[in-house]
Amino acid sequence: MRVIAGSRRHLILKTVPGMAVRPTQDRTKETLFNILNPYLADCRFLDLFSGSGAIGIEALSRGAKDVVMVEQSAESLACIKENLKTTKLTDEARVLAMDVFCAIPKLEAEGKPFDIIFMDPPYDNELEKRVLTMLADSCLINEETLIVVEASLQTDFSYAENLGLEVFREKKYKNNQHVFIQTLENEPA
């Protein structure tokens, strides 16, 4: 696994050992960031269920100004710290060592929305639905916020409209998908 593009291009990143974390494959990550690239410069980026930190690091490498990574696993947190050290981005990223459902209220207390929120929760546990339900009424999103969910191909997002959100793009891969979501008031990007 490596940083695909930007200021830290080609640097090798560590992955979390074992099967508990599914790192986003380089080709999938490249496709995702080709879609996100127009929105990355100076953006506020929230990476939920960060795993190895590769997505947040890629965002920083490509010009995001403020990246917050949320992860609760001690093994994953050690990997994130090592990857930030390797890429010399330790001072540019903020890592919250806590459960996502505790981190959201903590971040809400700061009162600043994010431009992009990425989440890659464990598949098929409806964790993305719980997060989207929390975000729907949160100050962490506004009409410009782009939410991206990495999920299994079977994950249903038909409930999004009931939350005031809309799925405006889906990018399907062999084993998973990226689902792009915004508030209903916003025109699709």
N, C-alpha and C. Protein backbone atom coordinates (compact mmCIF):
# COMPACT_ATOMS: atom_id res chain seq x y z
N MET A 1 0.86 -1.17 0.00
CA MET A 1 0.00 0.00 0.00
C MET A 1 0.90 1.22 0.00
N ARG A 2 0.51 2.24 -0.77
CA ARG A 2 1.34 3.43 -0.91
C ARG A 2 0.48 4.68 -1.03
N VAL A 3 1.13 5.83 -0.91
CA VAL A 3 0.47 7.11 -1.20
C VAL A 3 0.49 7.24 -2.72
N ILE A 4 -0.68 7.48 -3.31
CA ILE A 4 -0.81 7.46 -4.78
C ILE A 4 -0.27 8.73 -5.43
N ALA A 5 -0.62 9.90 -4.88
CA ALA A 5 -0.26 11.16 -5.54
C ALA A 5 -0.06 12.27 -4.51
N GLY A 6 0.41 13.40 -5.01
CA GLY A 6 0.58 14.57 -4.15
C GLY A 6 1.97 14.68 -3.57
N SER A 7 2.09 15.44 -2.50
CA SER A 7 3.39 15.74 -1.91
C SER A 7 4.10 14.53 -1.32
N ARG A 8 3.38 13.48 -0.97
CA ARG A 8 3.98 12.27 -0.38
C ARG A 8 3.90 11.07 -1.33
N ARG A 9 3.74 11.35 -2.59
CA ARG A 9 3.59 10.33 -3.62
C ARG A 9 4.66 9.25 -3.53
N HIS A 10 4.23 8.02 -3.69
CA HIS A 10 5.06 6.81 -3.73
C HIS A 10 5.55 6.32 -2.37
N LEU A 11 5.31 7.05 -1.29
CA LEU A 11 5.76 6.56 0.01
C LEU A 11 4.94 5.32 0.39
N ILE A 12 5.62 4.33 0.92
CA ILE A 12 5.00 3.06 1.30
C ILE A 12 4.36 3.21 2.68
N LEU A 13 3.13 2.71 2.80
CA LEU A 13 2.40 2.76 4.06
C LEU A 13 2.26 1.34 4.62
N LYS A 14 2.27 1.25 5.93
CA LYS A 14 2.05 -0.02 6.61
C LYS A 14 0.55 -0.31 6.67
N THR A 15 0.23 -1.57 6.77
CA THR A 15 -1.17 -1.96 6.99
C THR A 15 -1.28 -2.64 8.34
N VAL A 16 -2.49 -2.68 8.84
CA VAL A 16 -2.74 -3.34 10.11
C VAL A 16 -2.71 -4.85 9.87
N PRO A 17 -1.89 -5.59 10.63
CA PRO A 17 -1.82 -7.04 10.41
C PRO A 17 -3.15 -7.72 10.72
N GLY A 18 -3.38 -8.84 10.07
CA GLY A 18 -4.58 -9.62 10.33
C GLY A 18 -5.73 -9.27 9.41
N MET A 19 -6.88 -9.79 9.72
CA MET A 19 -8.06 -9.65 8.86
C MET A 19 -9.07 -8.64 9.40
N ALA A 20 -8.77 -7.99 10.51
CA ALA A 20 -9.74 -7.08 11.12
C ALA A 20 -9.92 -5.80 10.31
N VAL A 21 -8.90 -5.41 9.56
CA VAL A 21 -8.96 -4.18 8.76
C VAL A 21 -8.78 -4.55 7.30
N ARG A 22 -9.64 -3.98 6.43
CA ARG A 22 -9.52 -4.18 5.00
C ARG A 22 -8.96 -2.91 4.39
N PRO A 23 -7.66 -2.84 4.10
CA PRO A 23 -7.15 -1.61 3.50
C PRO A 23 -7.73 -1.41 2.11
N THR A 24 -8.06 -0.17 1.80
CA THR A 24 -8.55 0.15 0.46
C THR A 24 -7.41 -0.09 -0.52
N GLN A 25 -7.67 -0.91 -1.53
CA GLN A 25 -6.65 -1.25 -2.51
C GLN A 25 -6.19 0.01 -3.25
N ASP A 26 -4.91 0.01 -3.68
CA ASP A 26 -4.35 1.20 -4.35
C ASP A 26 -5.17 1.63 -5.55
N ARG A 27 -5.60 0.69 -6.37
CA ARG A 27 -6.36 1.03 -7.57
C ARG A 27 -7.72 1.66 -7.20
N THR A 28 -8.37 1.10 -6.19
CA THR A 28 -9.65 1.63 -5.72
C THR A 28 -9.45 3.02 -5.12
N LYS A 29 -8.37 3.18 -4.33
CA LYS A 29 -8.06 4.47 -3.72
C LYS A 29 -7.77 5.51 -4.80
N GLU A 30 -7.05 5.10 -5.85
CA GLU A 30 -6.76 6.03 -6.94
C GLU A 30 -8.04 6.49 -7.63
N THR A 31 -8.96 5.58 -7.88
CA THR A 31 -10.24 5.93 -8.50
C THR A 31 -11.02 6.89 -7.59
N LEU A 32 -11.08 6.57 -6.31
CA LEU A 32 -11.77 7.44 -5.35
C LEU A 32 -11.19 8.84 -5.37
N PHE A 33 -9.88 8.96 -5.29
CA PHE A 33 -9.28 10.28 -5.22
C PHE A 33 -9.30 11.02 -6.55
N ASN A 34 -9.40 10.32 -7.66
CA ASN A 34 -9.62 11.00 -8.94
C ASN A 34 -10.99 11.70 -8.92
N ILE A 35 -11.97 11.08 -8.27
CA ILE A 35 -13.30 11.69 -8.15
C ILE A 35 -13.25 12.86 -7.15
N LEU A 36 -12.54 12.69 -6.03
CA LEU A 36 -12.49 13.71 -4.97
C LEU A 36 -11.55 14.87 -5.27
N ASN A 37 -10.62 14.68 -6.19
CA ASN A 37 -9.55 15.65 -6.41
C ASN A 37 -10.02 17.10 -6.53
N PRO A 38 -11.10 17.41 -7.26
CA PRO A 38 -11.51 18.82 -7.38
C PRO A 38 -11.93 19.46 -6.04
N TYR A 39 -12.21 18.65 -5.04
CA TYR A 39 -12.72 19.16 -3.76
C TYR A 39 -11.67 19.17 -2.66
N LEU A 40 -10.46 18.68 -2.93
CA LEU A 40 -9.47 18.45 -1.87
C LEU A 40 -8.67 19.67 -1.44
N ALA A 41 -8.38 20.58 -2.33
CA ALA A 41 -7.50 21.70 -2.00
C ALA A 41 -8.06 22.48 -0.81
N ASP A 42 -7.28 22.56 0.25
CA ASP A 42 -7.62 23.32 1.46
C ASP A 42 -8.91 22.86 2.13
N CYS A 43 -9.32 21.64 1.92
CA CYS A 43 -10.58 21.18 2.53
C CYS A 43 -10.37 20.68 3.95
N ARG A 44 -11.48 20.61 4.69
CA ARG A 44 -11.52 19.94 5.99
C ARG A 44 -12.03 18.53 5.71
N PHE A 45 -11.26 17.52 6.12
CA PHE A 45 -11.51 16.13 5.76
C PHE A 45 -11.62 15.31 7.03
N LEU A 46 -12.71 14.57 7.16
CA LEU A 46 -12.93 13.70 8.30
C LEU A 46 -12.89 12.26 7.83
N ASP A 47 -12.00 11.46 8.42
CA ASP A 47 -11.84 10.05 8.07
C ASP A 47 -12.30 9.21 9.25
N LEU A 48 -13.49 8.63 9.12
CA LEU A 48 -14.07 7.81 10.19
C LEU A 48 -13.74 6.35 9.95
N PHE A 49 -13.50 5.59 11.02
CA PHE A 49 -13.05 4.20 10.92
C PHE A 49 -11.76 4.17 10.10
N SER A 50 -10.75 4.90 10.56
CA SER A 50 -9.55 5.19 9.76
C SER A 50 -8.65 4.01 9.43
N GLY A 51 -8.69 2.94 10.23
CA GLY A 51 -7.84 1.79 9.92
C GLY A 51 -6.38 2.16 9.97
N SER A 52 -5.69 2.08 8.84
CA SER A 52 -4.25 2.39 8.76
C SER A 52 -3.98 3.87 8.59
N GLY A 53 -5.03 4.65 8.31
CA GLY A 53 -4.87 6.08 8.08
C GLY A 53 -4.57 6.44 6.63
N ALA A 54 -4.56 5.45 5.76
CA ALA A 54 -4.15 5.67 4.36
C ALA A 54 -5.03 6.69 3.64
N ILE A 55 -6.33 6.71 3.90
CA ILE A 55 -7.23 7.65 3.20
C ILE A 55 -6.95 9.08 3.66
N GLY A 56 -6.86 9.28 4.97
CA GLY A 56 -6.55 10.62 5.48
C GLY A 56 -5.19 11.11 5.03
N ILE A 57 -4.20 10.22 4.99
CA ILE A 57 -2.86 10.58 4.53
C ILE A 57 -2.89 10.95 3.05
N GLU A 58 -3.64 10.21 2.26
CA GLU A 58 -3.78 10.53 0.83
C GLU A 58 -4.40 11.92 0.66
N ALA A 59 -5.42 12.21 1.49
CA ALA A 59 -6.06 13.54 1.42
C ALA A 59 -5.06 14.64 1.76
N LEU A 60 -4.26 14.44 2.79
CA LEU A 60 -3.24 15.43 3.15
C LEU A 60 -2.21 15.59 2.03
N SER A 61 -1.78 14.48 1.47
CA SER A 61 -0.79 14.52 0.40
C SER A 61 -1.31 15.31 -0.81
N ARG A 62 -2.62 15.28 -1.01
CA ARG A 62 -3.23 15.94 -2.17
C ARG A 62 -3.75 17.34 -1.85
N GLY A 63 -3.47 17.87 -0.66
CA GLY A 63 -3.78 19.27 -0.41
C GLY A 63 -4.84 19.58 0.62
N ALA A 64 -5.41 18.58 1.27
CA ALA A 64 -6.37 18.89 2.35
C ALA A 64 -5.62 19.64 3.44
N LYS A 65 -6.27 20.63 4.05
CA LYS A 65 -5.57 21.45 5.05
C LYS A 65 -5.82 20.95 6.47
N ASP A 66 -6.91 20.27 6.70
CA ASP A 66 -7.29 19.87 8.05
C ASP A 66 -7.88 18.47 7.96
N VAL A 67 -7.14 17.48 8.47
CA VAL A 67 -7.61 16.10 8.43
C VAL A 67 -7.74 15.57 9.85
N VAL A 68 -8.92 15.04 10.15
CA VAL A 68 -9.17 14.40 11.43
C VAL A 68 -9.43 12.92 11.14
N MET A 69 -8.69 12.06 11.82
CA MET A 69 -8.85 10.62 11.68
C MET A 69 -9.41 10.07 12.99
N VAL A 70 -10.43 9.22 12.88
CA VAL A 70 -11.05 8.63 14.07
C VAL A 70 -10.90 7.12 14.00
N GLU A 71 -10.30 6.57 15.05
CA GLU A 71 -10.08 5.12 15.12
C GLU A 71 -10.01 4.73 16.59
N GLN A 72 -10.58 3.57 16.92
CA GLN A 72 -10.54 3.13 18.32
C GLN A 72 -9.60 1.96 18.58
N SER A 73 -9.26 1.19 17.57
CA SER A 73 -8.40 0.02 17.75
C SER A 73 -6.96 0.44 18.05
N ALA A 74 -6.41 -0.09 19.14
CA ALA A 74 -5.03 0.24 19.52
C ALA A 74 -4.04 -0.16 18.43
N GLU A 75 -4.27 -1.31 17.82
CA GLU A 75 -3.38 -1.78 16.75
C GLU A 75 -3.44 -0.85 15.53
N SER A 76 -4.64 -0.42 15.18
CA SER A 76 -4.80 0.51 14.06
C SER A 76 -4.20 1.87 14.39
N LEU A 77 -4.39 2.33 15.61
CA LEU A 77 -3.83 3.63 16.02
C LEU A 77 -2.31 3.62 15.93
N ALA A 78 -1.69 2.52 16.32
CA ALA A 78 -0.23 2.40 16.21
C ALA A 78 0.20 2.47 14.75
N CYS A 79 -0.57 1.84 13.88
CA CYS A 79 -0.29 1.85 12.44
C CYS A 79 -0.44 3.27 11.88
N ILE A 80 -1.51 3.97 12.27
CA ILE A 80 -1.72 5.35 11.83
C ILE A 80 -0.53 6.22 12.23
N LYS A 81 -0.12 6.11 13.49
CA LYS A 81 0.99 6.93 13.98
C LYS A 81 2.27 6.63 13.21
N GLU A 82 2.52 5.36 12.94
CA GLU A 82 3.71 5.00 12.18
C GLU A 82 3.64 5.54 10.74
N ASN A 83 2.47 5.44 10.12
CA ASN A 83 2.31 5.96 8.75
C ASN A 83 2.43 7.49 8.71
N LEU A 84 1.91 8.17 9.71
CA LEU A 84 2.06 9.63 9.76
C LEU A 84 3.53 10.02 9.94
N LYS A 85 4.24 9.24 10.75
CA LYS A 85 5.67 9.51 10.96
C LYS A 85 6.45 9.28 9.66
N THR A 86 6.16 8.17 8.99
CA THR A 86 6.84 7.84 7.73
C THR A 86 6.63 8.94 6.69
N THR A 87 5.41 9.48 6.63
CA THR A 87 5.08 10.50 5.62
C THR A 87 5.38 11.92 6.11
N LYS A 88 5.87 12.04 7.35
CA LYS A 88 6.16 13.34 7.96
C LYS A 88 4.92 14.24 7.97
N LEU A 89 3.77 13.63 8.29
CA LEU A 89 2.51 14.37 8.36
C LEU A 89 1.91 14.37 9.77
N THR A 90 2.71 13.97 10.75
CA THR A 90 2.22 13.88 12.13
C THR A 90 1.60 15.20 12.60
N ASP A 91 2.23 16.32 12.28
CA ASP A 91 1.73 17.62 12.74
C ASP A 91 0.53 18.11 11.93
N GLU A 92 0.29 17.54 10.75
CA GLU A 92 -0.81 18.00 9.90
C GLU A 92 -2.13 17.27 10.18
N ALA A 93 -2.05 16.12 10.82
CA ALA A 93 -3.25 15.32 11.07
C ALA A 93 -3.60 15.34 12.55
N ARG A 94 -4.87 15.22 12.81
CA ARG A 94 -5.35 15.08 14.19
C ARG A 94 -5.98 13.70 14.30
N VAL A 95 -5.53 12.92 15.25
CA VAL A 95 -6.03 11.56 15.42
C VAL A 95 -6.83 11.50 16.72
N LEU A 96 -8.08 11.09 16.61
CA LEU A 96 -8.93 10.90 17.78
C LEU A 96 -9.01 9.40 18.07
N ALA A 97 -8.44 9.01 19.20
CA ALA A 97 -8.41 7.61 19.59
C ALA A 97 -9.68 7.29 20.37
N MET A 98 -10.76 7.06 19.62
CA MET A 98 -12.05 6.79 20.26
C MET A 98 -13.03 6.21 19.27
N ASP A 99 -14.12 5.72 19.80
CA ASP A 99 -15.21 5.20 19.00
C ASP A 99 -15.82 6.33 18.16
N VAL A 100 -16.19 6.03 16.94
CA VAL A 100 -16.78 7.03 16.03
C VAL A 100 -18.02 7.68 16.66
N PHE A 101 -18.81 6.90 17.37
CA PHE A 101 -20.07 7.43 17.92
C PHE A 101 -19.83 8.33 19.12
N CYS A 102 -18.65 8.29 19.69
CA CYS A 102 -18.25 9.26 20.72
C CYS A 102 -17.56 10.46 20.08
N ALA A 103 -16.84 10.22 18.98
CA ALA A 103 -16.10 11.29 18.31
C ALA A 103 -17.02 12.32 17.67
N ILE A 104 -18.14 11.87 17.12
CA ILE A 104 -19.04 12.81 16.43
C ILE A 104 -19.52 13.91 17.37
N PRO A 105 -20.06 13.60 18.55
CA PRO A 105 -20.46 14.69 19.47
C PRO A 105 -19.28 15.56 19.90
N LYS A 106 -18.12 14.97 20.08
CA LYS A 106 -16.92 15.75 20.45
C LYS A 106 -16.60 16.76 19.35
N LEU A 107 -16.65 16.33 18.10
CA LEU A 107 -16.37 17.22 16.98
C LEU A 107 -17.48 18.27 16.81
N GLU A 108 -18.73 17.87 17.09
CA GLU A 108 -19.84 18.82 17.01
C GLU A 108 -19.65 19.97 17.98
N ALA A 109 -19.06 19.71 19.12
CA ALA A 109 -18.84 20.77 20.12
C ALA A 109 -17.92 21.86 19.56
N GLU A 110 -17.10 21.51 18.57
CA GLU A 110 -16.23 22.50 17.93
C GLU A 110 -17.00 23.37 16.92
N GLY A 111 -18.14 22.87 16.45
CA GLY A 111 -19.04 23.66 15.61
C GLY A 111 -18.58 23.97 14.20
N LYS A 112 -17.63 23.20 13.65
CA LYS A 112 -17.14 23.48 12.30
C LYS A 112 -17.49 22.33 11.36
N PRO A 113 -18.14 22.62 10.24
CA PRO A 113 -18.47 21.55 9.29
C PRO A 113 -17.23 21.07 8.52
N PHE A 114 -17.33 19.86 8.00
CA PHE A 114 -16.28 19.30 7.16
C PHE A 114 -16.70 19.43 5.70
N ASP A 115 -15.71 19.53 4.83
CA ASP A 115 -15.98 19.57 3.38
C ASP A 115 -16.20 18.16 2.85
N ILE A 116 -15.41 17.21 3.36
CA ILE A 116 -15.52 15.82 2.94
C ILE A 116 -15.50 14.94 4.19
N ILE A 117 -16.44 14.01 4.25
CA ILE A 117 -16.44 13.01 5.31
C ILE A 117 -16.38 11.65 4.63
N PHE A 118 -15.34 10.89 4.95
CA PHE A 118 -15.16 9.55 4.41
C PHE A 118 -15.32 8.55 5.54
N MET A 119 -16.03 7.47 5.26
CA MET A 119 -16.13 6.40 6.26
C MET A 119 -16.03 5.04 5.59
N ASP A 120 -15.31 4.16 6.27
CA ASP A 120 -15.13 2.78 5.81
C ASP A 120 -15.35 1.86 7.01
N PRO A 121 -16.62 1.77 7.46
CA PRO A 121 -16.91 0.94 8.63
C PRO A 121 -16.87 -0.55 8.29
N PRO A 122 -16.79 -1.40 9.31
CA PRO A 122 -16.92 -2.84 9.05
C PRO A 122 -18.20 -3.09 8.24
N TYR A 123 -18.09 -3.94 7.25
CA TYR A 123 -19.20 -4.17 6.33
C TYR A 123 -20.36 -4.91 6.98
N ASP A 124 -21.55 -4.58 6.47
CA ASP A 124 -22.79 -5.32 6.75
C ASP A 124 -23.19 -5.36 8.22
N ASN A 125 -22.88 -4.28 8.95
CA ASN A 125 -23.32 -4.14 10.34
C ASN A 125 -24.22 -2.91 10.52
N GLU A 126 -24.54 -2.24 9.42
CA GLU A 126 -25.35 -1.02 9.42
C GLU A 126 -24.74 0.13 10.22
N LEU A 127 -23.41 0.08 10.39
CA LEU A 127 -22.74 1.18 11.08
C LEU A 127 -22.82 2.47 10.28
N GLU A 128 -22.75 2.35 8.95
CA GLU A 128 -22.87 3.55 8.11
C GLU A 128 -24.24 4.21 8.29
N LYS A 129 -25.28 3.41 8.47
CA LYS A 129 -26.62 3.96 8.69
C LYS A 129 -26.67 4.73 10.01
N ARG A 130 -26.05 4.17 11.05
CA ARG A 130 -26.01 4.88 12.34
C ARG A 130 -25.25 6.20 12.23
N VAL A 131 -24.12 6.18 11.51
CA VAL A 131 -23.34 7.40 11.35
C VAL A 131 -24.12 8.42 10.53
N LEU A 132 -24.72 8.00 9.42
CA LEU A 132 -25.48 8.93 8.59
C LEU A 132 -26.67 9.52 9.35
N THR A 133 -27.29 8.73 10.19
CA THR A 133 -28.40 9.22 11.01
C THR A 133 -27.91 10.32 11.95
N MET A 134 -26.73 10.11 12.55
CA MET A 134 -26.15 11.14 13.42
C MET A 134 -25.76 12.39 12.63
N LEU A 135 -25.17 12.20 11.47
CA LEU A 135 -24.70 13.33 10.68
C LEU A 135 -25.84 14.16 10.08
N ALA A 136 -26.97 13.52 9.82
CA ALA A 136 -28.09 14.21 9.16
C ALA A 136 -28.52 15.46 9.91
N ASP A 137 -28.45 15.45 11.23
CA ASP A 137 -28.85 16.60 12.03
C ASP A 137 -27.65 17.27 12.69
N SER A 138 -26.49 17.08 12.13
CA SER A 138 -25.26 17.54 12.76
C SER A 138 -24.72 18.81 12.12
N CYS A 139 -24.03 19.60 12.92
CA CYS A 139 -23.34 20.79 12.40
C CYS A 139 -22.06 20.40 11.66
N LEU A 140 -21.72 19.11 11.64
CA LEU A 140 -20.52 18.66 10.93
C LEU A 140 -20.72 18.63 9.43
N ILE A 141 -21.98 18.69 8.99
CA ILE A 141 -22.24 18.75 7.54
C ILE A 141 -23.06 19.99 7.24
N ASN A 142 -22.90 20.45 6.00
CA ASN A 142 -23.75 21.52 5.48
C ASN A 142 -24.08 21.17 4.03
N GLU A 143 -24.68 22.10 3.31
CA GLU A 143 -25.12 21.79 1.94
C GLU A 143 -23.96 21.54 0.99
N GLU A 144 -22.74 21.85 1.40
CA GLU A 144 -21.57 21.64 0.54
C GLU A 144 -20.80 20.37 0.90
N THR A 145 -21.11 19.75 2.02
CA THR A 145 -20.35 18.59 2.47
C THR A 145 -20.60 17.38 1.57
N LEU A 146 -19.53 16.73 1.22
CA LEU A 146 -19.58 15.50 0.44
C LEU A 146 -19.27 14.35 1.39
N ILE A 147 -20.19 13.40 1.48
CA ILE A 147 -20.00 12.21 2.33
C ILE A 147 -19.75 11.03 1.41
N VAL A 148 -18.69 10.28 1.70
CA VAL A 148 -18.36 9.10 0.91
C VAL A 148 -18.33 7.89 1.84
N VAL A 149 -19.08 6.86 1.48
CA VAL A 149 -19.13 5.64 2.27
C VAL A 149 -18.55 4.50 1.44
N GLU A 150 -17.55 3.81 2.01
CA GLU A 150 -17.08 2.57 1.40
C GLU A 150 -17.87 1.45 2.05
N ALA A 151 -18.53 0.64 1.23
CA ALA A 151 -19.44 -0.38 1.76
C ALA A 151 -19.44 -1.60 0.86
N SER A 152 -20.03 -2.67 1.37
CA SER A 152 -20.18 -3.87 0.55
C SER A 152 -21.18 -3.58 -0.57
N LEU A 153 -21.15 -4.40 -1.59
CA LEU A 153 -22.07 -4.21 -2.72
C LEU A 153 -23.52 -4.41 -2.31
N GLN A 154 -23.77 -5.13 -1.22
CA GLN A 154 -25.13 -5.42 -0.77
C GLN A 154 -25.71 -4.32 0.13
N THR A 155 -24.91 -3.35 0.52
CA THR A 155 -25.38 -2.34 1.47
C THR A 155 -26.47 -1.48 0.84
N ASP A 156 -27.56 -1.34 1.56
CA ASP A 156 -28.73 -0.59 1.09
C ASP A 156 -28.69 0.84 1.64
N PHE A 157 -28.87 1.81 0.78
CA PHE A 157 -28.90 3.22 1.18
C PHE A 157 -30.25 3.86 0.87
N SER A 158 -31.30 3.05 0.69
CA SER A 158 -32.61 3.58 0.33
C SER A 158 -33.20 4.49 1.41
N TYR A 159 -32.71 4.40 2.63
CA TYR A 159 -33.20 5.22 3.74
C TYR A 159 -32.65 6.66 3.71
N ALA A 160 -31.65 6.92 2.89
CA ALA A 160 -30.95 8.21 2.92
C ALA A 160 -31.89 9.40 2.76
N GLU A 161 -32.84 9.28 1.84
CA GLU A 161 -33.76 10.39 1.59
C GLU A 161 -34.57 10.73 2.84
N ASN A 162 -34.95 9.73 3.63
CA ASN A 162 -35.68 9.97 4.87
C ASN A 162 -34.85 10.76 5.88
N LEU A 163 -33.53 10.76 5.71
CA LEU A 163 -32.63 11.52 6.58
C LEU A 163 -32.33 12.91 6.03
N GLY A 164 -32.91 13.24 4.86
CA GLY A 164 -32.60 14.52 4.23
C GLY A 164 -31.31 14.47 3.44
N LEU A 165 -30.91 13.25 3.07
CA LEU A 165 -29.67 13.05 2.32
C LEU A 165 -30.01 12.39 0.99
N GLU A 166 -29.09 12.52 0.04
CA GLU A 166 -29.33 11.89 -1.25
C GLU A 166 -28.07 11.24 -1.78
N VAL A 167 -28.22 10.02 -2.26
CA VAL A 167 -27.14 9.32 -2.94
C VAL A 167 -27.15 9.85 -4.37
N PHE A 168 -26.06 10.51 -4.77
CA PHE A 168 -26.03 11.07 -6.13
C PHE A 168 -25.04 10.37 -7.05
N ARG A 169 -24.23 9.48 -6.47
CA ARG A 169 -23.28 8.74 -7.31
C ARG A 169 -22.88 7.47 -6.58
N GLU A 170 -22.70 6.40 -7.35
CA GLU A 170 -22.19 5.14 -6.81
C GLU A 170 -21.11 4.66 -7.76
N LYS A 171 -20.00 4.26 -7.19
CA LYS A 171 -18.92 3.68 -7.97
C LYS A 171 -18.71 2.27 -7.45
N LYS A 172 -19.08 1.29 -8.28
CA LYS A 172 -19.01 -0.11 -7.87
C LYS A 172 -17.70 -0.74 -8.37
N TYR A 173 -17.11 -1.55 -7.50
CA TYR A 173 -15.91 -2.28 -7.81
C TYR A 173 -16.25 -3.77 -7.75
N LYS A 174 -15.25 -4.61 -7.85
CA LYS A 174 -15.48 -6.05 -7.85
C LYS A 174 -16.12 -6.51 -6.53
N ASN A 175 -15.61 -6.03 -5.38
CA ASN A 175 -16.06 -6.53 -4.09
C ASN A 175 -16.73 -5.49 -3.19
N ASN A 176 -16.72 -4.24 -3.58
CA ASN A 176 -17.30 -3.19 -2.73
C ASN A 176 -17.72 -2.00 -3.59
N GLN A 177 -18.08 -0.92 -2.94
CA GLN A 177 -18.53 0.27 -3.65
C GLN A 177 -18.22 1.52 -2.84
N HIS A 178 -18.14 2.65 -3.55
CA HIS A 178 -18.10 3.97 -2.90
C HIS A 178 -19.43 4.64 -3.23
N VAL A 179 -20.10 5.10 -2.19
CA VAL A 179 -21.39 5.75 -2.33
C VAL A 179 -21.20 7.21 -1.94
N PHE A 180 -21.61 8.12 -2.82
CA PHE A 180 -21.42 9.56 -2.63
C PHE A 180 -22.76 10.18 -2.25
N ILE A 181 -22.75 10.91 -1.14
CA ILE A 181 -23.99 11.41 -0.54
C ILE A 181 -23.84 12.89 -0.21
N GLN A 182 -24.92 13.65 -0.43
CA GLN A 182 -24.99 15.05 -0.03
C GLN A 182 -26.37 15.32 0.54
N THR A 183 -26.53 16.50 1.12
CA THR A 183 -27.85 16.88 1.60
C THR A 183 -28.77 17.07 0.41
N LEU A 184 -30.05 16.88 0.62
CA LEU A 184 -31.03 16.99 -0.46
C LEU A 184 -31.09 18.39 -1.06
N GLU A 185 -30.76 19.41 -0.28
CA GLU A 185 -30.83 20.78 -0.78
C GLU A 185 -29.77 21.08 -1.83
N ASN A 186 -28.72 20.26 -1.87
CA ASN A 186 -27.60 20.53 -2.74
C ASN A 186 -27.79 19.88 -4.10
N GLU A 187 -27.30 20.56 -5.13
CA GLU A 187 -27.27 19.96 -6.47
C GLU A 187 -26.14 18.94 -6.50
N PRO A 188 -26.33 17.79 -7.13
CA PRO A 188 -25.25 16.80 -7.21
C PRO A 188 -24.00 17.39 -7.87
N ALA A 189 -22.87 16.97 -7.37
CA ALA A 189 -21.59 17.45 -7.90
C ALA A 189 -21.30 16.80 -9.24
